[in-house]
Amino acid sequence: MKSIYIYFIFILLSVPLNLLAQNSNSKEHYTYQVREEHGDLNSDGKMDRIIVEMDTVNETRPLRLQIFLSQPNGKLALAVSSTQIIEPQYPVGNQGKFNGYQIPDFFIEKGVLKMWSEIKGGNITYDFKYNNGNFELIYVDKLTNNVTKGYIDEKTIFTETKFDLITGIRTETDEISGSDKALKVRKKRVLIRPLPKIQDFKFSDKELY
């Protein structure tokens, strides 16, 4: 009877220890900084900070974007932290293979946070503007091509998509390399309300624009 009691106590004690071990193994390790940018994002005349860090322990190599805003006391406070806006370097659905894209670049121009990313057949730039405590997506500029042979020639068609989310005007322009005249221009109005916020933005959202 005593041995059964001791065994029961051991089980009770081992459960939280196992849970603690699992939690420890699942902790994030964003310790490697790959991007850093400084600029005024909230129009207070002070420098804010953007960093992108990689988790080098996780096999998928996920990335985390963090935005720090300046405070009246001169210190920086974390305003945004997102692990879903940038695709991991080795996505789960890619069977352990590299996704083929470089890590996005971030710039600050005239108070606008710009995120430049490679996509299939081109690149895309997102503009986020600080408004009422949030960074809202206000503009998208995407450039793609119809290359199928692996190289660009005189028949390659480039498509530039400019999407002003504030007005809702989305314009697609087709051009041939080296030509000053557009082949075709398509324009339509697409209203997205409320404007997408950076903390809710996912790397797969590129398909929406």
C-alpha atoms as a PDB file:
ATOM      1  CA  MET A   1       0.000   0.000   0.000  1.00  0.00           C
ATOM      2  CA  LYS A   2       2.879   2.355   0.847  1.00  0.00           C
ATOM      3  CA  SER A   3       4.584   1.692  -2.505  1.00  0.00           C
ATOM      4  CA  ILE A   4       1.359   2.534  -4.369  1.00  0.00           C
ATOM      5  CA  TYR A   5       1.046   5.811  -2.443  1.00  0.00           C
ATOM      6  CA  ILE A   6       4.650   6.777  -3.294  1.00  0.00           C
ATOM      7  CA  TYR A   7       4.051   5.940  -6.968  1.00  0.00           C
ATOM      8  CA  PHE A   8       0.914   8.122  -6.978  1.00  0.00           C
ATOM      9  CA  ILE A   9       2.842  11.052  -5.488  1.00  0.00           C
ATOM     10  CA  PHE A  10       5.551  10.602  -8.126  1.00  0.00           C
ATOM     11  CA  ILE A  11       2.963  10.809 -10.924  1.00  0.00           C
ATOM     12  CA  LEU A  12       1.482  14.018  -9.519  1.00  0.00           C
ATOM     13  CA  LEU A  13       4.897  15.628  -9.239  1.00  0.00           C
ATOM     14  CA  SER A  14       6.036  14.554 -12.694  1.00  0.00           C
ATOM     15  CA  VAL A  15       3.067  16.088 -14.544  1.00  0.00           C
ATOM     16  CA  PRO A  16       3.926  19.753 -13.954  1.00  0.00           C
ATOM     17  CA  LEU A  17       7.603  18.997 -14.508  1.00  0.00           C
ATOM     18  CA  ASN A  18       6.804  17.485 -17.901  1.00  0.00           C
ATOM     19  CA  LEU A  19       4.604  20.443 -18.769  1.00  0.00           C
ATOM     20  CA  LEU A  20       7.377  22.805 -17.733  1.00  0.00           C
ATOM     21  CA  ALA A  21       9.823  20.941 -19.939  1.00  0.00           C
ATOM     22  CA  GLN A  22       7.435  21.146 -22.894  1.00  0.00           C
ATOM     23  CA  ASN A  23       6.948  24.866 -22.373  1.00  0.00           C
ATOM     24  CA  SER A  24      10.691  25.347 -22.206  1.00  0.00           C
ATOM     25  CA  ASN A  25      11.200  23.475 -25.479  1.00  0.00           C
ATOM     26  CA  SER A  26       8.497  25.521 -27.210  1.00  0.00           C
ATOM     27  CA  LYS A  27       9.923  28.892 -26.163  1.00  0.00           C
ATOM     28  CA  GLU A  28      10.788  31.329 -28.896  1.00  0.00           C
ATOM     29  CA  HIS A  29      14.434  32.162 -29.548  1.00  0.00           C
ATOM     30  CA  TYR A  30      14.459  35.327 -31.638  1.00  0.00           C
ATOM     31  CA  THR A  31      18.079  36.112 -30.888  1.00  0.00           C
ATOM     32  CA  TYR A  32      19.587  36.857 -34.304  1.00  0.00           C
ATOM     33  CA  GLN A  33      18.928  40.369 -35.626  1.00  0.00           C
ATOM     34  CA  VAL A  34      18.765  40.615 -39.427  1.00  0.00           C
ATOM     35  CA  ARG A  35      17.235  44.064 -39.986  1.00  0.00           C
ATOM     36  CA  GLU A  36      17.227  47.411 -38.176  1.00  0.00           C
ATOM     37  CA  GLU A  37      15.872  50.790 -39.243  1.00  0.00           C
ATOM     38  CA  HIS A  38      15.426  54.141 -37.503  1.00  0.00           C
ATOM     39  CA  GLY A  39      13.092  57.022 -38.325  1.00  0.00           C
ATOM     40  CA  ASP A  40      10.131  59.066 -37.125  1.00  0.00           C
ATOM     41  CA  LEU A  41       6.966  56.987 -37.501  1.00  0.00           C
ATOM     42  CA  ASN A  42       4.509  58.786 -35.209  1.00  0.00           C
ATOM     43  CA  SER A  43       5.359  62.390 -36.178  1.00  0.00           C
ATOM     44  CA  ASP A  44       6.728  63.401 -32.782  1.00  0.00           C
ATOM     45  CA  GLY A  45      10.120  64.459 -34.114  1.00  0.00           C
ATOM     46  CA  LYS A  46      11.907  61.603 -32.357  1.00  0.00           C
ATOM     47  CA  MET A  47      13.566  58.497 -33.737  1.00  0.00           C
ATOM     48  CA  ASP A  48      11.627  55.247 -33.608  1.00  0.00           C
ATOM     49  CA  ARG A  49      13.130  51.809 -34.186  1.00  0.00           C
ATOM     50  CA  ILE A  50      12.292  48.774 -36.296  1.00  0.00           C
ATOM     51  CA  ILE A  51      14.011  45.421 -35.917  1.00  0.00           C
ATOM     52  CA  VAL A  52      13.599  42.019 -37.537  1.00  0.00           C
ATOM     53  CA  GLU A  53      14.918  39.016 -35.640  1.00  0.00           C
ATOM     54  CA  MET A  54      15.217  35.330 -36.532  1.00  0.00           C
ATOM     55  CA  ASP A  55      14.579  32.321 -34.311  1.00  0.00           C
ATOM     56  CA  THR A  56      17.679  30.233 -35.017  1.00  0.00           C
ATOM     57  CA  VAL A  57      16.519  27.306 -32.881  1.00  0.00           C
ATOM     58  CA  ASN A  58      13.246  26.645 -34.705  1.00  0.00           C
ATOM     59  CA  GLU A  59      13.945  24.586 -37.842  1.00  0.00           C
ATOM     60  CA  THR A  60      11.598  26.727 -39.959  1.00  0.00           C
ATOM     61  CA  ARG A  61      13.655  29.844 -39.104  1.00  0.00           C
ATOM     62  CA  PRO A  62      10.676  32.124 -38.358  1.00  0.00           C
ATOM     63  CA  LEU A  63      11.115  35.889 -38.247  1.00  0.00           C
ATOM     64  CA  ARG A  64       9.678  38.517 -35.928  1.00  0.00           C
ATOM     65  CA  LEU A  65       9.052  42.173 -36.708  1.00  0.00           C
ATOM     66  CA  GLN A  66       9.040  44.603 -33.807  1.00  0.00           C
ATOM     67  CA  ILE A  67       8.331  48.329 -33.859  1.00  0.00           C
ATOM     68  CA  PHE A  68       9.418  50.540 -30.968  1.00  0.00           C
ATOM     69  CA  LEU A  69       8.010  54.050 -30.660  1.00  0.00           C
ATOM     70  CA  SER A  70       9.654  56.939 -28.840  1.00  0.00           C
ATOM     71  CA  GLN A  71       8.073  58.112 -25.601  1.00  0.00           C
ATOM     72  CA  PRO A  72       8.002  61.565 -23.901  1.00  0.00           C
ATOM     73  CA  ASN A  73      10.627  60.315 -21.430  1.00  0.00           C
ATOM     74  CA  GLY A  74      13.021  59.610 -24.285  1.00  0.00           C
ATOM     75  CA  LYS A  75      12.752  55.839 -24.038  1.00  0.00           C
ATOM     76  CA  LEU A  76      11.404  53.415 -26.643  1.00  0.00           C
ATOM     77  CA  ALA A  77       8.295  51.313 -26.032  1.00  0.00           C
ATOM     78  CA  LEU A  78       7.220  48.230 -27.961  1.00  0.00           C
ATOM     79  CA  ALA A  79       4.195  49.107 -30.127  1.00  0.00           C
ATOM     80  CA  VAL A  80       3.996  46.137 -32.513  1.00  0.00           C
ATOM     81  CA  SER A  81       5.327  42.589 -32.438  1.00  0.00           C
ATOM     82  CA  SER A  82       4.413  40.208 -35.255  1.00  0.00           C
ATOM     83  CA  THR A  83       5.637  36.757 -36.247  1.00  0.00           C
ATOM     84  CA  GLN A  84       3.158  36.330 -39.101  1.00  0.00           C
ATOM     85  CA  ILE A  85       3.995  39.230 -41.415  1.00  0.00           C
ATOM     86  CA  ILE A  86       7.205  37.568 -42.712  1.00  0.00           C
ATOM     87  CA  GLU A  87       7.274  34.039 -44.103  1.00  0.00           C
ATOM     88  CA  PRO A  88       9.675  31.632 -42.341  1.00  0.00           C
ATOM     89  CA  GLN A  89      12.813  30.842 -44.323  1.00  0.00           C
ATOM     90  CA  TYR A  90      11.949  27.127 -44.350  1.00  0.00           C
ATOM     91  CA  PRO A  91       8.123  26.949 -44.275  1.00  0.00           C
ATOM     92  CA  VAL A  92       6.450  23.857 -42.847  1.00  0.00           C
ATOM     93  CA  GLY A  93       4.549  23.302 -46.084  1.00  0.00           C
ATOM     94  CA  ASN A  94       7.784  23.383 -48.100  1.00  0.00           C
ATOM     95  CA  GLN A  95       9.106  20.047 -46.784  1.00  0.00           C
ATOM     96  CA  GLY A  96      12.110  21.669 -45.130  1.00  0.00           C
ATOM     97  CA  LYS A  97      13.241  23.525 -48.256  1.00  0.00           C
ATOM     98  CA  PHE A  98      14.235  27.193 -48.471  1.00  0.00           C
ATOM     99  CA  ASN A  99      11.359  29.418 -49.593  1.00  0.00           C
ATOM    100  CA  GLY A 100      13.571  31.052 -52.214  1.00  0.00           C
ATOM    101  CA  TYR A 101      13.032  34.640 -51.069  1.00  0.00           C
ATOM    102  CA  GLN A 102      15.328  37.020 -49.256  1.00  0.00           C
ATOM    103  CA  ILE A 103      14.216  38.513 -45.952  1.00  0.00           C
ATOM    104  CA  PRO A 104      12.078  41.644 -46.571  1.00  0.00           C
ATOM    105  CA  ASP A 105      13.616  45.098 -46.252  1.00  0.00           C
ATOM    106  CA  PHE A 106      12.027  47.882 -44.219  1.00  0.00           C
ATOM    107  CA  PHE A 107      12.367  51.623 -44.859  1.00  0.00           C
ATOM    108  CA  ILE A 108      10.951  54.783 -43.326  1.00  0.00           C
ATOM    109  CA  GLU A 109      10.140  57.555 -45.799  1.00  0.00           C
ATOM    110  CA  LYS A 110       8.253  60.718 -44.794  1.00  0.00           C
ATOM    111  CA  GLY A 111       6.706  58.953 -41.806  1.00  0.00           C
ATOM    112  CA  VAL A 112       5.611  55.942 -43.847  1.00  0.00           C
ATOM    113  CA  LEU A 113       6.863  52.449 -43.035  1.00  0.00           C
ATOM    114  CA  LYS A 114       7.671  50.600 -46.260  1.00  0.00           C
ATOM    115  CA  MET A 115       8.089  46.838 -46.459  1.00  0.00           C
ATOM    116  CA  TRP A 116       9.704  45.511 -49.655  1.00  0.00           C
ATOM    117  CA  SER A 117       9.345  41.774 -50.317  1.00  0.00           C
ATOM    118  CA  GLU A 118      10.204  39.369 -53.074  1.00  0.00           C
ATOM    119  CA  ILE A 119       7.301  37.377 -54.516  1.00  0.00           C
ATOM    120  CA  LYS A 120       6.960  34.864 -57.328  1.00  0.00           C
ATOM    121  CA  GLY A 121       7.908  36.633 -60.543  1.00  0.00           C
ATOM    122  CA  GLY A 122       8.634  39.994 -58.982  1.00  0.00           C
ATOM    123  CA  ASN A 123       8.329  42.062 -55.816  1.00  0.00           C
ATOM    124  CA  ILE A 124       5.793  43.941 -53.717  1.00  0.00           C
ATOM    125  CA  THR A 125       6.006  47.015 -51.498  1.00  0.00           C
ATOM    126  CA  TYR A 126       3.558  47.726 -48.684  1.00  0.00           C
ATOM    127  CA  ASP A 127       3.141  51.185 -47.167  1.00  0.00           C
ATOM    128  CA  PHE A 128       1.962  51.405 -43.556  1.00  0.00           C
ATOM    129  CA  LYS A 129       1.006  54.708 -41.915  1.00  0.00           C
ATOM    130  CA  TYR A 130       0.651  55.305 -38.172  1.00  0.00           C
ATOM    131  CA  ASN A 131      -2.883  56.437 -37.347  1.00  0.00           C
ATOM    132  CA  ASN A 132      -4.814  56.411 -34.074  1.00  0.00           C
ATOM    133  CA  GLY A 133      -2.412  54.021 -32.395  1.00  0.00           C
ATOM    134  CA  ASN A 134      -2.171  51.577 -35.314  1.00  0.00           C
ATOM    135  CA  PHE A 135      -0.071  51.081 -38.415  1.00  0.00           C
ATOM    136  CA  GLU A 136      -2.567  50.844 -41.277  1.00  0.00           C
ATOM    137  CA  LEU A 137      -1.887  49.587 -44.794  1.00  0.00           C
ATOM    138  CA  ILE A 138      -2.479  52.544 -47.122  1.00  0.00           C
ATOM    139  CA  TYR A 139      -0.720  51.642 -50.382  1.00  0.00           C
ATOM    140  CA  VAL A 140       0.551  48.602 -52.305  1.00  0.00           C
ATOM    141  CA  ASP A 141       2.889  48.623 -55.307  1.00  0.00           C
ATOM    142  CA  LYS A 142       3.439  45.246 -56.967  1.00  0.00           C
ATOM    143  CA  LEU A 143       5.555  44.334 -59.999  1.00  0.00           C
ATOM    144  CA  THR A 144       5.339  40.913 -61.672  1.00  0.00           C
ATOM    145  CA  ASN A 145       6.176  39.375 -65.040  1.00  0.00           C
ATOM    146  CA  ASN A 146       4.963  36.447 -67.129  1.00  0.00           C
ATOM    147  CA  VAL A 147       8.334  34.737 -67.541  1.00  0.00           C
ATOM    148  CA  THR A 148       8.017  30.972 -67.988  1.00  0.00           C
ATOM    149  CA  LYS A 149      11.383  30.144 -69.580  1.00  0.00           C
ATOM    150  CA  GLY A 150      13.495  31.322 -66.680  1.00  0.00           C
ATOM    151  CA  TYR A 151      14.767  34.461 -68.384  1.00  0.00           C
ATOM    152  CA  ILE A 152      13.477  37.844 -69.590  1.00  0.00           C
ATOM    153  CA  ASP A 153      13.341  38.633 -73.320  1.00  0.00           C
ATOM    154  CA  GLU A 154      11.743  41.193 -75.630  1.00  0.00           C
ATOM    155  CA  LYS A 155       8.377  39.461 -75.329  1.00  0.00           C
ATOM    156  CA  THR A 156       8.251  39.517 -71.531  1.00  0.00           C
ATOM    157  CA  ILE A 157       5.229  41.360 -70.183  1.00  0.00           C
ATOM    158  CA  PHE A 158       5.586  43.241 -66.917  1.00  0.00           C
ATOM    159  CA  THR A 159       2.514  44.071 -64.856  1.00  0.00           C
ATOM    160  CA  GLU A 160       2.629  46.862 -62.298  1.00  0.00           C
ATOM    161  CA  THR A 161      -0.227  47.029 -59.815  1.00  0.00           C
ATOM    162  CA  LYS A 162      -0.751  50.210 -57.819  1.00  0.00           C
ATOM    163  CA  PHE A 163      -3.402  49.996 -55.114  1.00  0.00           C
ATOM    164  CA  ASP A 164      -4.317  53.081 -53.111  1.00  0.00           C
ATOM    165  CA  LEU A 165      -6.295  51.675 -50.203  1.00  0.00           C
ATOM    166  CA  ILE A 166      -7.376  55.116 -49.010  1.00  0.00           C
ATOM    167  CA  THR A 167      -9.187  55.939 -52.269  1.00  0.00           C
ATOM    168  CA  GLY A 168      -9.803  52.311 -53.204  1.00  0.00           C
ATOM    169  CA  ILE A 169      -8.376  52.813 -56.722  1.00  0.00           C
ATOM    170  CA  ARG A 170      -6.488  49.768 -58.013  1.00  0.00           C
ATOM    171  CA  THR A 171      -4.648  50.144 -61.338  1.00  0.00           C
ATOM    172  CA  GLU A 172      -2.917  47.368 -63.318  1.00  0.00           C
ATOM    173  CA  THR A 173      -0.610  48.337 -66.179  1.00  0.00           C
ATOM    174  CA  ASP A 174       0.881  45.836 -68.664  1.00  0.00           C
ATOM    175  CA  GLU A 175       4.086  46.798 -70.490  1.00  0.00           C
ATOM    176  CA  ILE A 176       6.716  45.097 -72.628  1.00  0.00           C
ATOM    177  CA  SER A 177      10.329  45.501 -71.575  1.00  0.00           C
ATOM    178  CA  GLY A 178      11.911  48.531 -73.244  1.00  0.00           C
ATOM    179  CA  SER A 179       8.621  50.032 -74.437  1.00  0.00           C
ATOM    180  CA  ASP A 180       7.290  53.408 -73.276  1.00  0.00           C
ATOM    181  CA  LYS A 181       3.732  52.593 -74.290  1.00  0.00           C
ATOM    182  CA  ALA A 182       1.431  50.512 -72.092  1.00  0.00           C
ATOM    183  CA  LEU A 183      -0.152  47.448 -73.651  1.00  0.00           C
ATOM    184  CA  LYS A 184      -3.186  47.561 -71.415  1.00  0.00           C
ATOM    185  CA  VAL A 185      -4.416  49.464 -68.381  1.00  0.00           C
ATOM    186  CA  ARG A 186      -7.078  48.074 -66.056  1.00  0.00           C
ATOM    187  CA  LYS A 187      -8.578  50.196 -63.328  1.00  0.00           C
ATOM    188  CA  LYS A 188     -11.208  49.412 -60.710  1.00  0.00           C
ATOM    189  CA  ARG A 189     -12.322  50.526 -57.275  1.00  0.00           C
ATOM    190  CA  VAL A 190     -11.926  48.144 -54.349  1.00  0.00           C
ATOM    191  CA  LEU A 191     -12.791  49.507 -50.912  1.00  0.00           C
ATOM    192  CA  ILE A 192     -11.294  47.720 -47.920  1.00  0.00           C
ATOM    193  CA  ARG A 193     -12.638  48.940 -44.592  1.00  0.00           C
ATOM    194  CA  PRO A 194     -11.313  49.081 -42.008  1.00  0.00           C
ATOM    195  CA  LEU A 195      -7.807  49.432 -43.394  1.00  0.00           C
ATOM    196  CA  PRO A 196      -5.651  46.357 -42.625  1.00  0.00           C
ATOM    197  CA  LYS A 197      -3.482  46.763 -39.513  1.00  0.00           C
ATOM    198  CA  ILE A 198       0.116  45.626 -39.498  1.00  0.00           C
ATOM    199  CA  GLN A 199      -0.351  43.407 -36.422  1.00  0.00           C
ATOM    200  CA  ASP A 200      -3.064  41.451 -38.275  1.00  0.00           C
ATOM    201  CA  PHE A 201      -1.180  41.276 -41.579  1.00  0.00           C
ATOM    202  CA  LYS A 202       0.023  37.850 -42.786  1.00  0.00           C
ATOM    203  CA  PHE A 203       2.706  37.120 -45.382  1.00  0.00           C
ATOM    204  CA  SER A 204       0.101  35.136 -47.356  1.00  0.00           C
ATOM    205  CA  ASP A 205      -2.010  38.295 -47.706  1.00  0.00           C
ATOM    206  CA  LYS A 206       0.107  39.202 -50.755  1.00  0.00           C
ATOM    207  CA  GLU A 207      -2.390  37.155 -52.750  1.00  0.00           C
ATOM    208  CA  LEU A 208      -5.104  39.719 -51.874  1.00  0.00           C
ATOM    209  CA  TYR A 209      -3.388  42.600 -53.687  1.00  0.00           C
END
